[in-house]
């Protein structure tokens, strides 16, 4: 019978740390596996990332173009056609769509777009809705609840 105190790792799966600079008898003494001379054999002799030996580094050669907005809002988009395939009772929101795999996990905002058709009435809670999607959902008898970034519902369309 196997008990917790009898568990051991497989033989050879765990290795001892290489102890360098502990005498000639260890096989890793004298230069401590650093080689004979040079910058990397010295203490503190590290080379910063991106250094190319004095040559103009690549990150300085490449042109810096444009502007990256750190505060941009990235929406996970869902078309009406994809929405009609969902068999979900109640309110469809971004958590439901992430669970079904229709919106990526890294997206925190949801926008509904109007590509495709929908017949059954559905209640959707999203951060943004296109005009065509809004018209199609309302003609099918559904509702749209717009959410602000803070999570409160602002207006029910």
Protein backbone atom coordinates (compact mmCIF):
# COMPACT_ATOMS: atom_id res chain seq x y z
CA UNK A 1 0.00 0.00 0.00
CA UNK A 2 1.29 3.46 -0.91
CA UNK A 3 1.18 6.08 1.82
CA UNK A 4 2.22 9.73 1.73
CA UNK A 5 5.38 9.07 3.75
CA UNK A 6 6.51 6.37 1.31
CA UNK A 7 6.34 8.56 -1.81
CA UNK A 8 9.70 9.23 -3.47
CA UNK A 9 10.58 10.92 -6.77
CA UNK A 10 11.59 8.67 -9.65
CA UNK A 11 15.28 7.76 -9.69
CA UNK A 12 17.24 10.31 -11.71
CA UNK A 13 14.45 12.89 -11.80
CA UNK A 14 16.05 15.09 -9.13
CA UNK A 15 19.63 16.32 -9.51
CA UNK A 16 21.85 18.05 -6.98
CA UNK A 17 22.77 21.66 -7.70
CA UNK A 18 26.22 22.12 -9.29
CA UNK A 19 28.48 23.48 -6.51
CA UNK A 20 31.22 25.48 -8.19
CA UNK A 21 34.33 27.03 -6.67
CA UNK A 22 34.60 24.48 -3.83
CA UNK A 23 38.09 23.12 -4.45
CA UNK A 24 39.95 21.13 -7.06
CA UNK A 25 38.63 17.80 -5.83
CA UNK A 26 35.10 18.65 -6.85
CA UNK A 27 36.06 19.06 -10.51
CA UNK A 28 34.53 22.54 -10.49
CA UNK A 29 37.25 24.39 -8.60
CA UNK A 30 39.80 27.02 -9.66
CA UNK A 31 37.94 28.90 -12.41
CA UNK A 32 34.51 27.61 -11.26
CA UNK A 33 33.36 26.58 -14.76
CA UNK A 34 33.83 30.12 -16.13
CA UNK A 35 36.79 29.45 -18.41
CA UNK A 36 40.16 31.15 -18.24
CA UNK A 37 39.95 34.86 -19.18
CA UNK A 38 37.52 37.41 -20.49
CA UNK A 39 34.71 39.62 -19.32
CA UNK A 40 32.39 36.74 -18.46
CA UNK A 41 34.97 35.14 -16.19
CA UNK A 42 35.22 38.23 -13.95
CA UNK A 43 32.98 39.02 -11.03
CA UNK A 44 30.32 41.51 -12.10
CA UNK A 45 31.21 40.80 -15.70
CA UNK A 46 27.75 40.64 -17.16
CA UNK A 47 26.74 42.02 -20.55
CA UNK A 48 23.49 43.93 -20.68
CA UNK A 49 20.67 42.63 -22.91
CA UNK A 50 20.84 44.02 -26.44
CA UNK A 51 24.59 44.76 -26.29
CA UNK A 52 26.31 43.77 -29.55
CA UNK A 53 29.95 44.32 -28.71
CA UNK A 54 29.99 48.05 -29.47
CA UNK A 55 28.24 47.67 -32.84
CA UNK A 56 25.14 49.83 -33.23
CA UNK A 57 22.46 47.61 -31.67
CA UNK A 58 19.41 46.51 -33.61
CA UNK A 59 16.96 48.33 -31.34
CA UNK A 60 18.72 51.61 -32.22
CA UNK A 61 18.89 50.85 -35.94
CA UNK A 62 15.15 50.24 -36.37
CA UNK A 63 12.93 53.29 -36.87
CA UNK A 64 10.56 54.27 -34.12
CA UNK A 65 7.21 55.02 -35.72
CA UNK A 66 3.73 55.81 -34.57
CA UNK A 67 2.03 55.95 -31.24
CA UNK A 68 0.80 53.14 -28.98
CA UNK A 69 -2.07 54.16 -26.78
CA UNK A 70 -1.69 52.40 -23.44
CA UNK A 71 -5.27 53.22 -22.52
CA UNK A 72 -6.98 51.87 -25.65
CA UNK A 73 -10.07 49.72 -25.29
CA UNK A 74 -9.90 46.32 -26.98
CA UNK A 75 -13.32 44.84 -27.61
CA UNK A 76 -14.14 41.19 -28.06
CA UNK A 77 -16.56 41.19 -31.00
CA UNK A 78 -19.48 38.88 -31.62
CA UNK A 79 -21.72 38.81 -34.68
CA UNK A 80 -25.47 38.35 -34.57
CA UNK A 81 -25.08 35.18 -36.66
CA UNK A 82 -22.93 33.60 -33.93
CA UNK A 83 -25.41 34.76 -31.31
CA UNK A 84 -28.31 32.94 -33.00
CA UNK A 85 -26.50 29.59 -32.58
CA UNK A 86 -26.34 29.93 -28.78
CA UNK A 87 -28.97 28.00 -26.84
CA UNK A 88 -28.79 29.95 -23.59
CA UNK A 89 -31.68 30.87 -21.35
CA UNK A 90 -31.55 34.25 -19.64
CA UNK A 91 -29.11 37.10 -20.19
CA UNK A 92 -26.16 36.61 -22.55
CA UNK A 93 -23.11 38.54 -21.32
CA UNK A 94 -19.35 38.39 -21.75
CA UNK A 95 -18.91 35.76 -19.01
CA UNK A 96 -21.29 33.38 -20.79
CA UNK A 97 -19.58 33.98 -24.14
CA UNK A 98 -16.12 33.37 -22.65
CA UNK A 99 -17.36 30.10 -21.14
CA UNK A 100 -18.70 29.03 -24.56
CA UNK A 101 -15.41 30.02 -26.25
CA UNK A 102 -16.96 32.68 -28.51
CA UNK A 103 -14.95 35.54 -26.98
CA UNK A 104 -11.29 35.34 -25.96
CA UNK A 105 -10.44 35.33 -22.28
CA UNK A 106 -8.15 38.38 -22.56
CA UNK A 107 -11.00 40.63 -23.78
CA UNK A 108 -12.81 42.46 -21.03
CA UNK A 109 -15.20 44.48 -23.20
CA UNK A 110 -17.86 43.12 -25.57
CA UNK A 111 -19.23 44.62 -28.78
CA UNK A 112 -22.09 43.12 -30.76
CA UNK A 113 -21.89 43.48 -34.57
CA UNK A 114 -24.70 43.05 -37.09
CA UNK A 115 -23.39 40.35 -39.46
CA UNK A 116 -25.88 37.48 -39.80
CA UNK A 117 -29.52 36.99 -38.82
CA UNK A 118 -31.34 36.27 -35.55
CA UNK A 119 -34.90 35.01 -35.09
CA UNK A 120 -35.36 34.22 -31.38
CA UNK A 121 -35.62 37.04 -28.82
CA UNK A 122 -32.55 37.30 -26.61
CA UNK A 123 -31.40 39.67 -23.86
CA UNK A 124 -27.80 40.81 -24.36
CA UNK A 125 -25.61 42.66 -21.89
CA UNK A 126 -22.70 44.29 -23.76
CA UNK A 127 -20.44 47.35 -23.65
CA UNK A 128 -21.16 48.47 -27.23
CA UNK A 129 -23.60 47.55 -30.00
CA UNK A 130 -23.55 48.54 -33.66
CA UNK A 131 -26.64 50.20 -35.14
CA UNK A 132 -27.48 47.27 -37.47
CA UNK A 133 -27.13 44.76 -34.61
CA UNK A 134 -29.39 46.88 -32.44
CA UNK A 135 -32.09 46.99 -35.13
CA UNK A 136 -31.92 43.23 -35.80
CA UNK A 137 -32.13 42.32 -32.10
CA UNK A 138 -35.08 44.66 -31.52
CA UNK A 139 -37.00 43.35 -34.56
CA UNK A 140 -36.52 39.79 -33.24
CA UNK A 141 -38.08 40.93 -29.92
CA UNK A 142 -34.84 41.00 -27.90
CA UNK A 143 -33.33 43.57 -25.55
CA UNK A 144 -29.89 45.16 -25.23
CA UNK A 145 -28.43 46.34 -21.95
CA UNK A 146 -25.42 48.66 -22.37
CA UNK A 147 -22.76 48.38 -19.64
CA UNK A 148 -20.28 51.11 -18.77
CA UNK A 149 -16.62 50.29 -18.02
CA UNK A 150 -17.32 50.31 -14.31
CA UNK A 151 -19.90 47.53 -14.59
CA UNK A 152 -23.14 49.43 -13.98
CA UNK A 153 -25.85 49.28 -16.59
CA UNK A 154 -26.38 52.74 -18.05
CA UNK A 155 -29.25 52.48 -20.48
CA UNK A 156 -31.49 49.70 -21.64
CA UNK A 157 -32.04 50.01 -25.35
